[in-house]
């Protein structure tokens, strides 16, 4: 079996696991305690509570016209894993529909519901899939009206949460906001946190000493960039280094010990590929 096929099978398997975790979180914590969510799932939950519609059926059938539209606009390659995400989500929502945990503290239900659904969707997105719904609608609005995806999600969630507030009251809406917040943070961590790192720029008269310490103590590569101070006019190399998040505190301490007056800029890197970080071969 070729490496490409192995990667495809791995991606499909993890997308399935992700939708299973998501579906379990929805049923076990959110539906069990009559809470809601934002996005397309929030609409499905409103219909489930108020009209008695099956959540899994709604997710599947409401996505069919959206998938057909996406297929017409962007082709099969674009929607292939989204189709899998929609089918797996609907299937797993039905399989886990009998899993419920009613708790006295709704905050716990909101927190754990957000953790599980965020983990599940994060895995789906990380391996190239989506669960359709608002993702497709957002892309359509972006294509035809130029609406940015981030702004679309904000407007869409506001509309859904307004409906939640209208039908179920302020208390449920506030707990739903907790779910959305935790969901977004966990999703971001799954997508970015595992491979995230920090990029550090150091301007110091002792860059060579700092560079040697970074290589020997942190075992990270460095790059010297020719630079000149705009205020003093002093020519000096700028040191560039990328380190893991767990190393940034050691790096700052190291720099301070060698040159307390060094100018240091730390910025976040969402993904680092190459030696010492994520294997580039596994991302292709």
C-alpha atoms as a PDB file:
ATOM      1  CA  UNK A   1       0.000   0.000   0.000  1.00  0.00           C
ATOM      2  CA  UNK A   2       1.410   3.401  -0.984  1.00  0.00           C
ATOM      3  CA  UNK A   3       2.185   6.102   1.555  1.00  0.00           C
ATOM      4  CA  UNK A   4      -0.547   8.338   0.102  1.00  0.00           C
ATOM      5  CA  UNK A   5      -3.193   5.671   0.679  1.00  0.00           C
ATOM      6  CA  UNK A   6      -1.965   5.113   4.217  1.00  0.00           C
ATOM      7  CA  UNK A   7      -2.316   8.832   4.916  1.00  0.00           C
ATOM      8  CA  UNK A   8      -5.814   8.888   3.406  1.00  0.00           C
ATOM      9  CA  UNK A   9      -6.919   5.955   5.571  1.00  0.00           C
ATOM     10  CA  UNK A  10      -5.381   7.605   8.633  1.00  0.00           C
ATOM     11  CA  UNK A  11      -7.173  10.876   7.876  1.00  0.00           C
ATOM     12  CA  UNK A  12     -10.533   9.155   7.409  1.00  0.00           C
ATOM     13  CA  UNK A  13     -10.103   7.152  10.620  1.00  0.00           C
ATOM     14  CA  UNK A  14      -9.241  10.247  12.675  1.00  0.00           C
ATOM     15  CA  UNK A  15     -12.098  12.232  11.113  1.00  0.00           C
ATOM     16  CA  UNK A  16     -14.425   9.431  12.221  1.00  0.00           C
ATOM     17  CA  UNK A  17     -12.973   9.441  15.752  1.00  0.00           C
ATOM     18  CA  UNK A  18     -13.310  13.231  15.866  1.00  0.00           C
ATOM     19  CA  UNK A  19     -16.987  13.134  14.891  1.00  0.00           C
ATOM     20  CA  UNK A  20     -17.570  10.380  17.454  1.00  0.00           C
ATOM     21  CA  UNK A  21     -16.065  12.514  20.235  1.00  0.00           C
ATOM     22  CA  UNK A  22     -18.090  15.516  19.060  1.00  0.00           C
ATOM     23  CA  UNK A  23     -21.350  13.549  18.921  1.00  0.00           C
ATOM     24  CA  UNK A  24     -20.745  12.024  22.343  1.00  0.00           C
ATOM     25  CA  UNK A  25     -20.117  15.479  23.836  1.00  0.00           C
ATOM     26  CA  UNK A  26     -23.314  16.861  22.294  1.00  0.00           C
ATOM     27  CA  UNK A  27     -25.493  14.013  23.572  1.00  0.00           C
ATOM     28  CA  UNK A  28     -23.800  13.227  26.883  1.00  0.00           C
ATOM     29  CA  UNK A  29     -23.482  16.767  28.230  1.00  0.00           C
ATOM     30  CA  UNK A  30     -25.312  19.319  26.066  1.00  0.00           C
ATOM     31  CA  UNK A  31     -28.602  17.628  25.156  1.00  0.00           C
ATOM     32  CA  UNK A  32     -28.758  15.751  28.468  1.00  0.00           C
ATOM     33  CA  UNK A  33     -28.830  19.085  30.318  1.00  0.00           C
ATOM     34  CA  UNK A  34     -30.943  21.013  27.779  1.00  0.00           C
ATOM     35  CA  UNK A  35     -28.125  23.353  26.802  1.00  0.00           C
ATOM     36  CA  UNK A  36     -27.396  24.781  23.362  1.00  0.00           C
ATOM     37  CA  UNK A  37     -24.538  25.791  21.101  1.00  0.00           C
ATOM     38  CA  UNK A  38     -23.790  28.317  18.411  1.00  0.00           C
ATOM     39  CA  UNK A  39     -23.399  27.695  14.704  1.00  0.00           C
ATOM     40  CA  UNK A  40     -25.246  25.109  12.663  1.00  0.00           C
ATOM     41  CA  UNK A  41     -25.394  22.700  15.599  1.00  0.00           C
ATOM     42  CA  UNK A  42     -27.201  25.403  17.566  1.00  0.00           C
ATOM     43  CA  UNK A  43     -29.920  25.580  14.898  1.00  0.00           C
ATOM     44  CA  UNK A  44     -30.230  21.791  14.943  1.00  0.00           C
ATOM     45  CA  UNK A  45     -30.561  21.816  18.743  1.00  0.00           C
ATOM     46  CA  UNK A  46     -33.318  24.458  18.638  1.00  0.00           C
ATOM     47  CA  UNK A  47     -35.261  22.351  16.140  1.00  0.00           C
ATOM     48  CA  UNK A  48     -34.649  19.271  18.277  1.00  0.00           C
ATOM     49  CA  UNK A  49     -35.941  20.884  21.470  1.00  0.00           C
ATOM     50  CA  UNK A  50     -38.861  22.849  20.013  1.00  0.00           C
ATOM     51  CA  UNK A  51     -40.038  20.597  17.180  1.00  0.00           C
ATOM     52  CA  UNK A  52     -38.812  17.170  18.300  1.00  0.00           C
ATOM     53  CA  UNK A  53     -36.730  16.692  15.153  1.00  0.00           C
ATOM     54  CA  UNK A  54     -33.945  14.139  15.196  1.00  0.00           C
ATOM     55  CA  UNK A  55     -30.607  15.906  15.565  1.00  0.00           C
ATOM     56  CA  UNK A  56     -28.780  13.419  13.350  1.00  0.00           C
ATOM     57  CA  UNK A  57     -31.405  13.621  10.584  1.00  0.00           C
ATOM     58  CA  UNK A  58     -31.406  17.413  10.643  1.00  0.00           C
ATOM     59  CA  UNK A  59     -27.599  17.590  10.400  1.00  0.00           C
ATOM     60  CA  UNK A  60     -27.617  15.195   7.443  1.00  0.00           C
ATOM     61  CA  UNK A  61     -30.544  16.488   5.389  1.00  0.00           C
ATOM     62  CA  UNK A  62     -29.889  20.178   5.984  1.00  0.00           C
ATOM     63  CA  UNK A  63     -26.351  19.671   4.688  1.00  0.00           C
ATOM     64  CA  UNK A  64     -27.393  17.912   1.468  1.00  0.00           C
ATOM     65  CA  UNK A  65     -28.286  21.107  -0.475  1.00  0.00           C
ATOM     66  CA  UNK A  66     -25.230  22.857   0.959  1.00  0.00           C
ATOM     67  CA  UNK A  67     -22.966  20.026  -0.194  1.00  0.00           C
ATOM     68  CA  UNK A  68     -24.517  20.071  -3.659  1.00  0.00           C
ATOM     69  CA  UNK A  69     -23.934  23.830  -3.863  1.00  0.00           C
ATOM     70  CA  UNK A  70     -20.333  23.463  -2.675  1.00  0.00           C
ATOM     71  CA  UNK A  71     -19.746  20.657  -5.184  1.00  0.00           C
ATOM     72  CA  UNK A  72     -21.032  22.849  -8.012  1.00  0.00           C
ATOM     73  CA  UNK A  73     -18.908  25.824  -6.921  1.00  0.00           C
ATOM     74  CA  UNK A  74     -15.653  24.153  -5.892  1.00  0.00           C
ATOM     75  CA  UNK A  75     -15.723  20.555  -7.102  1.00  0.00           C
ATOM     76  CA  UNK A  76     -15.569  17.123  -5.518  1.00  0.00           C
ATOM     77  CA  UNK A  77     -12.039  17.419  -4.171  1.00  0.00           C
ATOM     78  CA  UNK A  78     -13.130  20.335  -1.997  1.00  0.00           C
ATOM     79  CA  UNK A  79     -16.129  18.579  -0.454  1.00  0.00           C
ATOM     80  CA  UNK A  80     -14.989  14.944  -0.320  1.00  0.00           C
ATOM     81  CA  UNK A  81     -13.863  14.999   3.312  1.00  0.00           C
ATOM     82  CA  UNK A  82     -16.730  17.323   4.222  1.00  0.00           C
ATOM     83  CA  UNK A  83     -19.137  14.643   2.964  1.00  0.00           C
ATOM     84  CA  UNK A  84     -17.375  12.167   5.248  1.00  0.00           C
ATOM     85  CA  UNK A  85     -17.588  14.612   8.143  1.00  0.00           C
ATOM     86  CA  UNK A  86     -21.327  15.141   7.642  1.00  0.00           C
ATOM     87  CA  UNK A  87     -22.093  11.417   7.257  1.00  0.00           C
ATOM     88  CA  UNK A  88     -19.924  10.411  10.224  1.00  0.00           C
ATOM     89  CA  UNK A  89     -21.400  13.169  12.410  1.00  0.00           C
ATOM     90  CA  UNK A  90     -24.982  12.159  11.613  1.00  0.00           C
ATOM     91  CA  UNK A  91     -24.188   8.479  12.160  1.00  0.00           C
ATOM     92  CA  UNK A  92     -22.423   9.057  15.482  1.00  0.00           C
ATOM     93  CA  UNK A  93     -25.092  11.436  16.779  1.00  0.00           C
ATOM     94  CA  UNK A  94     -27.558   8.596  16.257  1.00  0.00           C
ATOM     95  CA  UNK A  95     -25.242   5.967  17.774  1.00  0.00           C
ATOM     96  CA  UNK A  96     -24.648   8.043  20.928  1.00  0.00           C
ATOM     97  CA  UNK A  97     -28.202   9.379  21.227  1.00  0.00           C
ATOM     98  CA  UNK A  98     -28.816   7.218  24.302  1.00  0.00           C
ATOM     99  CA  UNK A  99     -25.763   8.550  26.170  1.00  0.00           C
ATOM    100  CA  UNK A 100     -26.835  11.172  28.723  1.00  0.00           C
ATOM    101  CA  UNK A 101     -25.374  12.517  31.945  1.00  0.00           C
ATOM    102  CA  UNK A 102     -27.626  14.871  33.889  1.00  0.00           C
ATOM    103  CA  UNK A 103     -25.668  16.982  36.364  1.00  0.00           C
ATOM    104  CA  UNK A 104     -26.737  19.403  39.080  1.00  0.00           C
ATOM    105  CA  UNK A 105     -24.177  22.033  38.101  1.00  0.00           C
ATOM    106  CA  UNK A 106     -24.867  23.235  34.550  1.00  0.00           C
ATOM    107  CA  UNK A 107     -21.484  24.943  34.437  1.00  0.00           C
ATOM    108  CA  UNK A 108     -19.787  21.523  34.565  1.00  0.00           C
ATOM    109  CA  UNK A 109     -21.978  20.317  31.711  1.00  0.00           C
ATOM    110  CA  UNK A 110     -21.107  23.426  29.689  1.00  0.00           C
ATOM    111  CA  UNK A 111     -17.368  23.072  30.355  1.00  0.00           C
ATOM    112  CA  UNK A 112     -17.120  19.367  29.565  1.00  0.00           C
ATOM    113  CA  UNK A 113     -19.488  19.713  26.615  1.00  0.00           C
ATOM    114  CA  UNK A 114     -17.229  22.432  25.197  1.00  0.00           C
ATOM    115  CA  UNK A 115     -14.093  20.360  25.795  1.00  0.00           C
ATOM    116  CA  UNK A 116     -15.429  17.247  24.055  1.00  0.00           C
ATOM    117  CA  UNK A 117     -17.070  19.023  21.101  1.00  0.00           C
ATOM    118  CA  UNK A 118     -13.999  21.237  20.637  1.00  0.00           C
ATOM    119  CA  UNK A 119     -11.686  18.232  20.717  1.00  0.00           C
ATOM    120  CA  UNK A 120     -13.804  16.365  18.202  1.00  0.00           C
ATOM    121  CA  UNK A 121     -14.113  19.225  15.721  1.00  0.00           C
ATOM    122  CA  UNK A 122     -10.448  20.095  16.181  1.00  0.00           C
ATOM    123  CA  UNK A 123      -9.448  16.584  15.090  1.00  0.00           C
ATOM    124  CA  UNK A 124     -11.816  16.724  12.117  1.00  0.00           C
ATOM    125  CA  UNK A 125     -10.419  20.066  10.938  1.00  0.00           C
ATOM    126  CA  UNK A 126      -6.806  19.085  11.624  1.00  0.00           C
ATOM    127  CA  UNK A 127      -7.069  16.163   9.225  1.00  0.00           C
ATOM    128  CA  UNK A 128      -8.755  18.025   6.393  1.00  0.00           C
ATOM    129  CA  UNK A 129     -12.451  17.509   7.098  1.00  0.00           C
ATOM    130  CA  UNK A 130     -15.336  19.715   8.186  1.00  0.00           C
ATOM    131  CA  UNK A 131     -18.856  18.995   9.392  1.00  0.00           C
ATOM    132  CA  UNK A 132     -20.428  21.246   6.755  1.00  0.00           C
ATOM    133  CA  UNK A 133     -23.139  23.635   7.844  1.00  0.00           C
ATOM    134  CA  UNK A 134     -21.885  27.121   8.652  1.00  0.00           C
ATOM    135  CA  UNK A 135     -18.467  26.382   7.078  1.00  0.00           C
ATOM    136  CA  UNK A 136     -20.061  26.038   3.649  1.00  0.00           C
ATOM    137  CA  UNK A 137     -22.484  28.930   4.162  1.00  0.00           C
ATOM    138  CA  UNK A 138     -19.582  31.142   5.256  1.00  0.00           C
ATOM    139  CA  UNK A 139     -17.575  30.294   2.145  1.00  0.00           C
ATOM    140  CA  UNK A 140     -20.566  31.079  -0.059  1.00  0.00           C
ATOM    141  CA  UNK A 141     -20.997  34.492   1.574  1.00  0.00           C
ATOM    142  CA  UNK A 142     -17.270  35.093   1.243  1.00  0.00           C
ATOM    143  CA  UNK A 143     -17.312  34.216  -2.457  1.00  0.00           C
ATOM    144  CA  UNK A 144     -20.367  36.218  -3.509  1.00  0.00           C
ATOM    145  CA  UNK A 145     -20.473  39.073  -0.991  1.00  0.00           C
ATOM    146  CA  UNK A 146     -16.856  39.382   0.111  1.00  0.00           C
ATOM    147  CA  UNK A 147     -17.784  38.815   3.762  1.00  0.00           C
ATOM    148  CA  UNK A 148     -14.773  37.671   5.772  1.00  0.00           C
ATOM    149  CA  UNK A 149     -15.117  34.256   7.391  1.00  0.00           C
ATOM    150  CA  UNK A 150     -14.412  35.531  10.905  1.00  0.00           C
ATOM    151  CA  UNK A 151     -17.070  38.218  10.624  1.00  0.00           C
ATOM    152  CA  UNK A 152     -19.543  35.740   9.174  1.00  0.00           C
ATOM    153  CA  UNK A 153     -19.081  33.340  12.116  1.00  0.00           C
ATOM    154  CA  UNK A 154     -19.564  36.231  14.543  1.00  0.00           C
ATOM    155  CA  UNK A 155     -22.824  37.294  12.862  1.00  0.00           C
ATOM    156  CA  UNK A 156     -24.045  33.706  12.484  1.00  0.00           C
ATOM    157  CA  UNK A 157     -23.382  32.842  16.134  1.00  0.00           C
ATOM    158  CA  UNK A 158     -25.047  36.075  17.247  1.00  0.00           C
ATOM    159  CA  UNK A 159     -28.204  35.184  15.309  1.00  0.00           C
ATOM    160  CA  UNK A 160     -28.263  31.626  16.661  1.00  0.00           C
ATOM    161  CA  UNK A 161     -27.660  32.729  20.257  1.00  0.00           C
ATOM    162  CA  UNK A 162     -30.359  35.385  19.913  1.00  0.00           C
ATOM    163  CA  UNK A 163     -32.752  32.609  18.914  1.00  0.00           C
ATOM    164  CA  UNK A 164     -31.564  30.517  21.875  1.00  0.00           C
ATOM    165  CA  UNK A 165     -32.223  33.457  24.192  1.00  0.00           C
ATOM    166  CA  UNK A 166     -35.670  34.009  22.709  1.00  0.00           C
ATOM    167  CA  UNK A 167     -36.748  30.372  23.056  1.00  0.00           C
ATOM    168  CA  UNK A 168     -34.937  29.247  26.219  1.00  0.00           C
ATOM    169  CA  UNK A 169     -34.089  32.342  28.209  1.00  0.00           C
ATOM    170  CA  UNK A 170     -30.982  34.127  29.440  1.00  0.00           C
ATOM    171  CA  UNK A 171     -29.625  31.336  31.656  1.00  0.00           C
ATOM    172  CA  UNK A 172     -29.341  28.777  28.852  1.00  0.00           C
ATOM    173  CA  UNK A 173     -27.850  31.450  26.580  1.00  0.00           C
ATOM    174  CA  UNK A 174     -25.118  32.290  29.091  1.00  0.00           C
ATOM    175  CA  UNK A 175     -24.184  28.630  29.550  1.00  0.00           C
ATOM    176  CA  UNK A 176     -24.176  28.276  25.769  1.00  0.00           C
ATOM    177  CA  UNK A 177     -21.662  31.138  25.595  1.00  0.00           C
ATOM    178  CA  UNK A 178     -19.441  29.147  27.970  1.00  0.00           C
ATOM    179  CA  UNK A 179     -19.699  26.131  25.645  1.00  0.00           C
ATOM    180  CA  UNK A 180     -18.792  28.268  22.608  1.00  0.00           C
ATOM    181  CA  UNK A 181     -15.815  29.848  24.399  1.00  0.00           C
ATOM    182  CA  UNK A 182     -14.389  26.534  25.616  1.00  0.00           C
ATOM    183  CA  UNK A 183     -15.135  24.924  22.240  1.00  0.00           C
ATOM    184  CA  UNK A 184     -13.191  27.606  20.354  1.00  0.00           C
ATOM    185  CA  UNK A 185     -10.197  27.470  22.720  1.00  0.00           C
ATOM    186  CA  UNK A 186      -9.936  23.679  22.591  1.00  0.00           C
ATOM    187  CA  UNK A 187     -10.350  23.661  18.804  1.00  0.00           C
ATOM    188  CA  UNK A 188      -7.564  26.245  18.465  1.00  0.00           C
ATOM    189  CA  UNK A 189      -5.327  24.156  20.730  1.00  0.00           C
ATOM    190  CA  UNK A 190      -5.907  21.001  18.704  1.00  0.00           C
ATOM    191  CA  UNK A 191      -5.240  22.864  15.455  1.00  0.00           C
ATOM    192  CA  UNK A 192      -2.341  25.046  16.565  1.00  0.00           C
ATOM    193  CA  UNK A 193      -1.156  24.314  20.081  1.00  0.00           C
ATOM    194  CA  UNK A 194       0.476  20.952  19.466  1.00  0.00           C
ATOM    195  CA  UNK A 195       2.857  22.287  16.840  1.00  0.00           C
ATOM    196  CA  UNK A 196       2.946  25.917  17.941  1.00  0.00           C
ATOM    197  CA  UNK A 197       6.191  27.573  18.883  1.00  0.00           C
ATOM    198  CA  UNK A 198       7.682  30.992  19.531  1.00  0.00           C
ATOM    199  CA  UNK A 199       9.807  33.043  17.182  1.00  0.00           C
ATOM    200  CA  UNK A 200      12.362  35.181  18.977  1.00  0.00           C
ATOM    201  CA  UNK A 201      14.262  38.179  17.587  1.00  0.00           C
ATOM    202  CA  UNK A 202      17.166  39.381  19.711  1.00  0.00           C
ATOM    203  CA  UNK A 203      19.073  42.630  19.220  1.00  0.00           C
ATOM    204  CA  UNK A 204      22.173  42.645  21.428  1.00  0.00           C
ATOM    205  CA  UNK A 205      25.863  43.503  21.303  1.00  0.00           C
ATOM    206  CA  UNK A 206      26.483  40.014  22.689  1.00  0.00           C
ATOM    207  CA  UNK A 207      24.529  38.031  20.104  1.00  0.00           C
ATOM    208  CA  UNK A 208      27.362  35.595  19.472  1.00  0.00           C
ATOM    209  CA  UNK A 209      27.506  34.590  23.153  1.00  0.00           C
ATOM    210  CA  UNK A 210      23.718  34.316  23.271  1.00  0.00           C
ATOM    211  CA  UNK A 211      23.688  32.246  20.074  1.00  0.00           C
ATOM    212  CA  UNK A 212      26.226  29.797  21.438  1.00  0.00           C
ATOM    213  CA  UNK A 213      24.208  29.356  24.636  1.00  0.00           C
ATOM    214  CA  UNK A 214      21.042  28.728  22.631  1.00  0.00           C
ATOM    215  CA  UNK A 215      22.805  26.031  20.607  1.00  0.00           C
ATOM    216  CA  UNK A 216      24.440  24.295  23.558  1.00  0.00           C
ATOM    217  CA  UNK A 217      21.707  24.595  26.208  1.00  0.00           C
ATOM    218  CA  UNK A 218      18.471  24.681  24.196  1.00  0.00           C
ATOM    219  CA  UNK A 219      19.745  22.698  21.191  1.00  0.00           C
ATOM    220  CA  UNK A 220      18.046  25.058  18.754  1.00  0.00           C
ATOM    221  CA  UNK A 221      19.363  26.458  15.515  1.00  0.00           C
ATOM    222  CA  UNK A 222      19.894  30.198  15.091  1.00  0.00           C
ATOM    223  CA  UNK A 223      20.141  32.624  12.184  1.00  0.00           C
ATOM    224  CA  UNK A 224      22.081  35.905  12.126  1.00  0.00           C
ATOM    225  CA  UNK A 225      20.494  38.724  10.146  1.00  0.00           C
ATOM    226  CA  UNK A 226      22.500  41.817   9.308  1.00  0.00           C
ATOM    227  CA  UNK A 227      20.925  44.831  10.977  1.00  0.00           C
ATOM    228  CA  UNK A 228      21.440  48.405  12.087  1.00  0.00           C
ATOM    229  CA  UNK A 229      19.879  50.297  14.981  1.00  0.00           C
ATOM    230  CA  UNK A 230      17.626  53.059  13.704  1.00  0.00           C
ATOM    231  CA  UNK A 231      18.161  55.233  16.789  1.00  0.00           C
ATOM    232  CA  UNK A 232      21.876  54.711  17.444  1.00  0.00           C
ATOM    233  CA  UNK A 233      22.978  53.803  13.920  1.00  0.00           C
ATOM    234  CA  UNK A 234      25.029  50.966  15.379  1.00  0.00           C
ATOM    235  CA  UNK A 235      25.459  48.020  13.036  1.00  0.00           C
ATOM    236  CA  UNK A 236      24.859  44.684  14.688  1.00  0.00           C
ATOM    237  CA  UNK A 237      23.498  41.296  13.741  1.00  0.00           C
ATOM    238  CA  UNK A 238      19.931  40.444  14.638  1.00  0.00           C
ATOM    239  CA  UNK A 239      19.534  36.933  16.050  1.00  0.00           C
ATOM    240  CA  UNK A 240      16.538  34.886  14.911  1.00  0.00           C
ATOM    241  CA  UNK A 241      15.528  31.687  16.690  1.00  0.00           C
ATOM    242  CA  UNK A 242      12.419  29.476  16.876  1.00  0.00           C
ATOM    243  CA  UNK A 243      11.877  27.527  20.103  1.00  0.00           C
ATOM    244  CA  UNK A 244       9.124  25.395  21.562  1.00  0.00           C
ATOM    245  CA  UNK A 245       6.679  27.045  23.954  1.00  0.00           C
ATOM    246  CA  UNK A 246       8.159  25.143  26.866  1.00  0.00           C
ATOM    247  CA  UNK A 247      11.595  26.654  26.146  1.00  0.00           C
ATOM    248  CA  UNK A 248      10.702  30.335  25.905  1.00  0.00           C
ATOM    249  CA  UNK A 249      11.149  31.014  29.630  1.00  0.00           C
ATOM    250  CA  UNK A 250      14.588  29.387  29.657  1.00  0.00           C
ATOM    251  CA  UNK A 251      15.535  31.433  26.594  1.00  0.00           C
ATOM    252  CA  UNK A 252      14.509  34.744  28.155  1.00  0.00           C
ATOM    253  CA  UNK A 253      16.399  33.891  31.335  1.00  0.00           C
ATOM    254  CA  UNK A 254      19.471  32.952  29.300  1.00  0.00           C
ATOM    255  CA  UNK A 255      19.395  36.243  27.372  1.00  0.00           C
ATOM    256  CA  UNK A 256      18.957  38.285  30.548  1.00  0.00           C
ATOM    257  CA  UNK A 257      21.935  36.588  32.207  1.00  0.00           C
ATOM    258  CA  UNK A 258      24.233  37.403  29.267  1.00  0.00           C
ATOM    259  CA  UNK A 259      22.884  40.852  28.345  1.00  0.00           C
ATOM    260  CA  UNK A 260      20.248  42.429  30.626  1.00  0.00           C
ATOM    261  CA  UNK A 261      19.900  45.314  28.157  1.00  0.00           C
ATOM    262  CA  UNK A 262      19.106  43.131  25.131  1.00  0.00           C
ATOM    263  CA  UNK A 263      16.043  44.015  23.068  1.00  0.00           C
ATOM    264  CA  UNK A 264      13.907  40.877  22.638  1.00  0.00           C
ATOM    265  CA  UNK A 265      10.781  40.382  20.522  1.00  0.00           C
ATOM    266  CA  UNK A 266       8.719  37.209  21.052  1.00  0.00           C
ATOM    267  CA  UNK A 267       5.948  36.301  18.610  1.00  0.00           C
ATOM    268  CA  UNK A 268       3.742  33.247  18.257  1.00  0.00           C
ATOM    269  CA  UNK A 269       4.285  30.709  15.488  1.00  0.00           C
ATOM    270  CA  UNK A 270       1.235  28.545  14.768  1.00  0.00           C
ATOM    271  CA  UNK A 271       3.216  25.710  13.211  1.00  0.00           C
ATOM    272  CA  UNK A 272       6.903  24.885  12.928  1.00  0.00           C
ATOM    273  CA  UNK A 273       8.098  22.353  10.358  1.00  0.00           C
ATOM    274  CA  UNK A 274      11.553  20.882  10.081  1.00  0.00           C
ATOM    275  CA  UNK A 275      14.304  19.487  12.260  1.00  0.00           C
ATOM    276  CA  UNK A 276      13.450  19.625  15.930  1.00  0.00           C
ATOM    277  CA  UNK A 277       9.789  20.266  15.258  1.00  0.00           C
ATOM    278  CA  UNK A 278       7.117  18.576  13.142  1.00  0.00           C
ATOM    279  CA  UNK A 279       8.306  16.186  10.432  1.00  0.00           C
ATOM    280  CA  UNK A 280       7.700  17.828   7.045  1.00  0.00           C
ATOM    281  CA  UNK A 281       7.280  14.425   5.394  1.00  0.00           C
ATOM    282  CA  UNK A 282       4.137  13.736   7.461  1.00  0.00           C
ATOM    283  CA  UNK A 283       2.456  16.946   6.360  1.00  0.00           C
ATOM    284  CA  UNK A 284       2.543  16.212   2.641  1.00  0.00           C
END
